[in-house]
C-alpha atoms as a PDB file:
ATOM      1  CA  LEU A   1     -14.426  29.293  14.905  1.00  0.00           C
ATOM      2  CA  ARG A   2     -15.865  31.617  12.282  1.00  0.00           C
ATOM      3  CA  GLU A   3     -13.445  32.931   9.709  1.00  0.00           C
ATOM      4  CA  GLY A   4     -14.269  34.791   6.502  1.00  0.00           C
ATOM      5  CA  GLY A   5     -17.891  33.644   6.435  1.00  0.00           C
ATOM      6  CA  LYS A   6     -16.933  30.027   7.095  1.00  0.00           C
ATOM      7  CA  THR A   7     -17.373  27.893  10.172  1.00  0.00           C
ATOM      8  CA  VAL A   8     -14.157  26.023  10.907  1.00  0.00           C
ATOM      9  CA  VAL A   9     -14.264  23.066  13.290  1.00  0.00           C
ATOM     10  CA  LEU A  10     -10.772  22.026  14.374  1.00  0.00           C
ATOM     11  CA  VAL A  11     -10.573  18.424  15.585  1.00  0.00           C
ATOM     12  CA  ASP A  12      -7.561  17.585  17.750  1.00  0.00           C
ATOM     13  CA  CYS A  13      -6.499  13.997  16.960  1.00  0.00           C
ATOM     14  CA  ARG A  14      -3.654  13.954  19.482  1.00  0.00           C
ATOM     15  CA  THR A  15      -3.572  11.916  22.685  1.00  0.00           C
ATOM     16  CA  ARG A  16      -4.675  13.374  26.008  1.00  0.00           C
ATOM     17  CA  PRO A  17      -1.055  13.660  27.241  1.00  0.00           C
ATOM     18  CA  GLU A  18      -0.208  15.648  24.096  1.00  0.00           C
ATOM     19  CA  GLN A  19      -3.251  17.854  24.621  1.00  0.00           C
ATOM     20  CA  ALA A  20      -2.148  18.471  28.206  1.00  0.00           C
ATOM     21  CA  VAL A  21       0.967  20.195  26.834  1.00  0.00           C
ATOM     22  CA  SER A  22      -0.835  22.579  24.484  1.00  0.00           C
ATOM     23  CA  VAL A  23      -4.160  23.056  22.738  1.00  0.00           C
ATOM     24  CA  ILE A  24      -5.753  25.382  20.226  1.00  0.00           C
ATOM     25  CA  ALA A  25      -8.398  27.111  22.318  1.00  0.00           C
ATOM     26  CA  THR A  26     -11.298  26.585  19.894  1.00  0.00           C
ATOM     27  CA  ALA A  27     -10.440  22.993  18.946  1.00  0.00           C
ATOM     28  CA  LEU A  28     -12.572  20.001  19.874  1.00  0.00           C
ATOM     29  CA  SER A  29     -10.994  16.791  21.030  1.00  0.00           C
ATOM     30  CA  LYS A  30     -11.660  13.862  18.716  1.00  0.00           C
ATOM     31  CA  ARG A  31     -13.730  12.284  21.497  1.00  0.00           C
ATOM     32  CA  ASN A  32     -15.892  15.413  21.864  1.00  0.00           C
ATOM     33  CA  PHE A  33     -16.297  15.733  18.092  1.00  0.00           C
ATOM     34  CA  GLU A  34     -17.350  12.081  17.803  1.00  0.00           C
ATOM     35  CA  ALA A  35     -19.983  12.583  20.512  1.00  0.00           C
ATOM     36  CA  HIS A  36     -21.681  15.056  18.145  1.00  0.00           C
ATOM     37  CA  ALA A  37     -20.470  13.734  14.782  1.00  0.00           C
ATOM     38  CA  GLU A  38     -23.974  13.366  13.345  1.00  0.00           C
ATOM     39  CA  ASP A  39     -24.729  17.035  14.033  1.00  0.00           C
ATOM     40  CA  HIS A  40     -21.446  18.055  12.394  1.00  0.00           C
ATOM     41  CA  LEU A  41     -22.174  15.821   9.400  1.00  0.00           C
ATOM     42  CA  ILE A  42     -25.587  17.410   8.879  1.00  0.00           C
ATOM     43  CA  ALA A  43     -24.059  20.894   9.138  1.00  0.00           C
ATOM     44  CA  ALA A  44     -21.196  20.053   6.763  1.00  0.00           C
ATOM     45  CA  ARG A  45     -23.500  18.533   4.154  1.00  0.00           C
ATOM     46  CA  SER A  46     -25.955  21.441   4.242  1.00  0.00           C
ATOM     47  CA  ASN A  47     -23.418  24.281   4.354  1.00  0.00           C
ATOM     48  CA  PRO A  48     -20.357  24.299   2.068  1.00  0.00           C
ATOM     49  CA  GLY A  49     -18.777  26.879   4.391  1.00  0.00           C
ATOM     50  CA  TYR A  50     -18.790  24.405   7.312  1.00  0.00           C
ATOM     51  CA  LEU A  51     -15.288  22.948   7.361  1.00  0.00           C
ATOM     52  CA  VAL A  52     -14.087  20.113   9.589  1.00  0.00           C
ATOM     53  CA  ILE A  53     -10.280  20.207   9.887  1.00  0.00           C
ATOM     54  CA  PRO A  54      -8.543  17.415  11.818  1.00  0.00           C
ATOM     55  CA  TYR A  55      -5.026  18.094  13.105  1.00  0.00           C
ATOM     56  CA  CYS A  56      -2.299  16.390  15.101  1.00  0.00           C
ATOM     57  CA  THR A  57       1.420  16.819  15.740  1.00  0.00           C
ATOM     58  CA  VAL A  58       2.916  15.481  12.508  1.00  0.00           C
ATOM     59  CA  GLY A  59      -0.081  14.786  10.268  1.00  0.00           C
ATOM     60  CA  ALA A  60      -0.381  10.999  10.108  1.00  0.00           C
ATOM     61  CA  ARG A  61      -3.237  10.679  12.613  1.00  0.00           C
ATOM     62  CA  SER A  62      -5.151  13.662  11.297  1.00  0.00           C
ATOM     63  CA  GLY A  63      -4.716  12.471   7.694  1.00  0.00           C
ATOM     64  CA  SER A  64      -6.020   9.047   8.632  1.00  0.00           C
ATOM     65  CA  TYR A  65      -8.954  10.562  10.499  1.00  0.00           C
ATOM     66  CA  ALA A  66      -9.731  12.890   7.583  1.00  0.00           C
ATOM     67  CA  ARG A  67      -9.955   9.869   5.276  1.00  0.00           C
ATOM     68  CA  GLN A  68     -12.297   8.164   7.766  1.00  0.00           C
ATOM     69  CA  LEU A  69     -14.518  11.258   7.891  1.00  0.00           C
ATOM     70  CA  ILE A  70     -14.693  11.436   4.099  1.00  0.00           C
ATOM     71  CA  ALA A  71     -15.631   7.741   3.991  1.00  0.00           C
ATOM     72  CA  ARG A  72     -18.457   8.546   6.414  1.00  0.00           C
ATOM     73  CA  GLY A  73     -19.814  11.269   4.133  1.00  0.00           C
ATOM     74  CA  PHE A  74     -18.072  14.420   5.316  1.00  0.00           C
ATOM     75  CA  PRO A  75     -17.073  16.690   2.428  1.00  0.00           C
ATOM     76  CA  PRO A  76     -13.318  16.840   1.817  1.00  0.00           C
ATOM     77  CA  THR A  77     -11.658  20.101   2.845  1.00  0.00           C
END
């Protein structure tokens, strides 16, 4: 998703049954994101406008995943 000169990558941290109920059309599942995590890391490190935004239903899973991504070198958003 491109918004205001930024590239926004939404990462859906919900379970497959939750995703079966509803999804944000441009979001990547956590599994799909992880399959290409190195590419996303390179893009995020080289472009400050490349934002990786995890989300879930309440926020606990996405917050935990965001902390994991930061620990792996992704810039905080």
